[in-house]
């Protein structure tokens, strides 16, 4: 069973992928795979941020009543 990653974990992992693209370890043979993984992570991060934003809006409404 895979452990649930937090938003921070996902952002850290995404940043590692981005760092790799600008590093000396960059390798054309790995570009497609790493790009696809980074895009998948970006989508997950976006979904998590949207959920968080919705929760904040609900809390904001509760406090303004």
N, C-alpha and C. Protein backbone atom coordinates (compact mmCIF):
# COMPACT_ATOMS: atom_id res chain seq x y z
N UNK A 1 0.85 -1.19 0.00
CA UNK A 1 0.00 0.00 0.00
C UNK A 1 0.89 1.25 0.00
N UNK A 2 0.59 2.18 -0.89
CA UNK A 2 1.39 3.39 -1.02
C UNK A 2 0.98 4.40 0.04
N UNK A 3 1.99 5.00 0.66
CA UNK A 3 1.74 6.01 1.68
C UNK A 3 1.23 7.29 1.01
N UNK A 4 0.25 7.93 1.63
CA UNK A 4 -0.30 9.16 1.05
C UNK A 4 0.70 10.29 1.21
N UNK A 5 1.00 10.93 0.10
CA UNK A 5 1.95 12.04 0.11
C UNK A 5 1.22 13.34 0.41
N UNK A 6 1.87 14.18 1.18
CA UNK A 6 1.31 15.49 1.48
C UNK A 6 1.58 16.44 0.31
N UNK A 7 0.92 17.56 0.34
CA UNK A 7 1.14 18.58 -0.69
C UNK A 7 2.61 19.00 -0.68
N UNK A 8 3.17 19.18 0.50
CA UNK A 8 4.58 19.56 0.58
C UNK A 8 5.49 18.50 -0.02
N UNK A 9 5.18 17.23 0.22
CA UNK A 9 5.97 16.14 -0.37
C UNK A 9 5.92 16.21 -1.89
N UNK A 10 4.75 16.44 -2.43
CA UNK A 10 4.59 16.51 -3.88
C UNK A 10 5.35 17.70 -4.47
N UNK A 11 5.29 18.83 -3.79
CA UNK A 11 6.00 20.02 -4.27
C UNK A 11 7.51 19.79 -4.23
N UNK A 12 8.00 19.17 -3.16
CA UNK A 12 9.43 18.86 -3.07
C UNK A 12 9.85 17.91 -4.19
N UNK A 13 9.04 16.90 -4.45
CA UNK A 13 9.35 15.95 -5.52
C UNK A 13 9.34 16.66 -6.87
N UNK A 14 8.36 17.51 -7.10
CA UNK A 14 8.28 18.27 -8.34
C UNK A 14 9.52 19.15 -8.52
N UNK A 15 9.93 19.81 -7.44
CA UNK A 15 11.11 20.67 -7.51
C UNK A 15 12.37 19.87 -7.84
N UNK A 16 12.45 18.64 -7.36
CA UNK A 16 13.59 17.78 -7.69
C UNK A 16 13.62 17.47 -9.18
N UNK A 17 12.45 17.21 -9.76
CA UNK A 17 12.38 16.99 -11.21
C UNK A 17 12.84 18.24 -11.96
N UNK A 18 12.36 19.41 -11.53
CA UNK A 18 12.72 20.64 -12.21
C UNK A 18 14.23 20.90 -12.09
N UNK A 19 14.79 20.65 -10.91
CA UNK A 19 16.23 20.83 -10.72
C UNK A 19 17.01 19.92 -11.66
N UNK A 20 16.52 18.70 -11.85
CA UNK A 20 17.21 17.74 -12.72
C UNK A 20 17.30 18.28 -14.14
N UNK A 21 16.24 18.93 -14.62
CA UNK A 21 16.25 19.45 -15.99
C UNK A 21 17.34 20.50 -16.20
N UNK A 22 17.77 21.17 -15.15
CA UNK A 22 18.79 22.21 -15.25
C UNK A 22 20.15 21.75 -14.71
N UNK A 23 20.25 20.50 -14.34
CA UNK A 23 21.48 19.99 -13.74
C UNK A 23 22.41 19.37 -14.77
N UNK A 24 23.60 19.05 -14.31
CA UNK A 24 24.58 18.36 -15.15
C UNK A 24 24.18 16.90 -15.37
N UNK A 25 23.23 16.40 -14.59
CA UNK A 25 22.77 15.01 -14.71
C UNK A 25 21.72 14.85 -15.82
N UNK A 26 21.32 15.95 -16.41
CA UNK A 26 20.32 15.94 -17.49
C UNK A 26 20.75 14.93 -18.55
N UNK A 27 19.79 14.12 -18.99
CA UNK A 27 20.07 13.06 -19.94
C UNK A 27 18.88 12.96 -20.90
N UNK A 28 19.14 13.10 -22.17
CA UNK A 28 18.05 13.08 -23.16
C UNK A 28 17.25 11.78 -23.14
N UNK A 29 17.89 10.68 -22.77
CA UNK A 29 17.20 9.40 -22.73
C UNK A 29 16.12 9.36 -21.65
N UNK A 30 16.23 10.23 -20.66
CA UNK A 30 15.28 10.23 -19.54
C UNK A 30 14.26 11.36 -19.61
N UNK A 31 14.41 12.23 -20.57
CA UNK A 31 13.56 13.43 -20.64
C UNK A 31 12.08 13.09 -20.68
N UNK A 32 11.69 12.22 -21.57
CA UNK A 32 10.26 11.93 -21.73
C UNK A 32 9.64 11.39 -20.44
N UNK A 33 10.30 10.45 -19.82
CA UNK A 33 9.79 9.85 -18.59
C UNK A 33 9.69 10.88 -17.47
N UNK A 34 10.75 11.64 -17.28
CA UNK A 34 10.74 12.63 -16.21
C UNK A 34 9.75 13.76 -16.48
N UNK A 35 9.61 14.13 -17.74
CA UNK A 35 8.65 15.16 -18.10
C UNK A 35 7.23 14.70 -17.78
N UNK A 36 6.90 13.47 -18.18
CA UNK A 36 5.57 12.93 -17.90
C UNK A 36 5.29 12.85 -16.41
N UNK A 37 6.29 12.42 -15.64
CA UNK A 37 6.11 12.34 -14.19
C UNK A 37 5.92 13.73 -13.59
N UNK A 38 6.69 14.70 -14.07
CA UNK A 38 6.57 16.05 -13.53
C UNK A 38 5.21 16.67 -13.88
N UNK A 39 4.71 16.39 -15.08
CA UNK A 39 3.38 16.89 -15.47
C UNK A 39 2.30 16.26 -14.60
N UNK A 40 2.42 14.96 -14.33
CA UNK A 40 1.47 14.28 -13.46
C UNK A 40 1.47 14.87 -12.06
N UNK A 41 2.66 15.14 -11.55
CA UNK A 41 2.77 15.76 -10.23
C UNK A 41 2.17 17.16 -10.23
N UNK A 42 2.43 17.92 -11.28
CA UNK A 42 1.88 19.28 -11.38
C UNK A 42 0.35 19.25 -11.34
N UNK A 43 -0.24 18.27 -12.02
CA UNK A 43 -1.71 18.14 -12.00
C UNK A 43 -2.21 17.78 -10.61
N UNK A 44 -1.50 16.87 -9.92
CA UNK A 44 -1.89 16.51 -8.56
C UNK A 44 -1.79 17.71 -7.63
N UNK A 45 -0.71 18.47 -7.77
CA UNK A 45 -0.51 19.65 -6.94
C UNK A 45 -1.63 20.66 -7.19
N UNK A 46 -1.98 20.87 -8.45
CA UNK A 46 -3.05 21.80 -8.80
C UNK A 46 -4.37 21.37 -8.17
N UNK A 47 -4.68 20.07 -8.23
CA UNK A 47 -5.91 19.54 -7.63
C UNK A 47 -5.91 19.75 -6.12
N UNK A 48 -4.77 19.47 -5.49
CA UNK A 48 -4.66 19.66 -4.04
C UNK A 48 -4.84 21.13 -3.67
N UNK A 49 -4.25 22.02 -4.45
CA UNK A 49 -4.39 23.45 -4.17
C UNK A 49 -5.83 23.92 -4.38
N UNK A 50 -6.50 23.38 -5.38
CA UNK A 50 -7.91 23.72 -5.59
C UNK A 50 -8.77 23.27 -4.41
N UNK A 51 -8.52 22.06 -3.92
CA UNK A 51 -9.26 21.55 -2.75
C UNK A 51 -9.00 22.43 -1.53
N UNK A 52 -7.74 22.79 -1.35
CA UNK A 52 -7.37 23.63 -0.21
C UNK A 52 -8.04 24.99 -0.32
N UNK A 53 -8.05 25.53 -1.51
CA UNK A 53 -8.70 26.82 -1.73
C UNK A 53 -10.19 26.75 -1.40
N UNK A 54 -10.84 25.68 -1.80
CA UNK A 54 -12.26 25.50 -1.50
C UNK A 54 -12.50 25.41 0.01
N UNK A 55 -11.64 24.70 0.71
CA UNK A 55 -11.77 24.58 2.17
C UNK A 55 -11.60 25.94 2.84
N UNK A 56 -10.64 26.70 2.33
CA UNK A 56 -10.41 28.03 2.90
C UNK A 56 -11.62 28.92 2.69
N UNK A 57 -12.22 28.85 1.52
CA UNK A 57 -13.41 29.65 1.24
C UNK A 57 -14.56 29.27 2.18
N UNK A 58 -14.72 27.97 2.43
CA UNK A 58 -15.78 27.51 3.35
C UNK A 58 -15.51 28.04 4.75
N UNK A 59 -14.28 27.94 5.20
CA UNK A 59 -13.93 28.45 6.54
C UNK A 59 -14.12 29.96 6.61
N UNK A 60 -13.74 30.63 5.55
CA UNK A 60 -13.88 32.09 5.50
C UNK A 60 -15.35 32.49 5.63
N UNK A 61 -16.22 31.76 4.94
CA UNK A 61 -17.66 32.05 5.02
C UNK A 61 -18.18 31.79 6.43
N UNK A 62 -17.73 30.71 7.06
CA UNK A 62 -18.17 30.39 8.41
C UNK A 62 -17.78 31.48 9.40
N UNK A 63 -16.62 32.07 9.23
CA UNK A 63 -16.14 33.09 10.16
C UNK A 63 -16.74 34.47 9.90
N UNK A 64 -17.25 34.67 8.71
CA UNK A 64 -17.80 35.99 8.40
C UNK A 64 -19.28 36.09 8.71
N UNK A 65 -19.90 34.99 9.13
CA UNK A 65 -21.33 35.01 9.45
C UNK A 65 -21.56 35.57 10.83
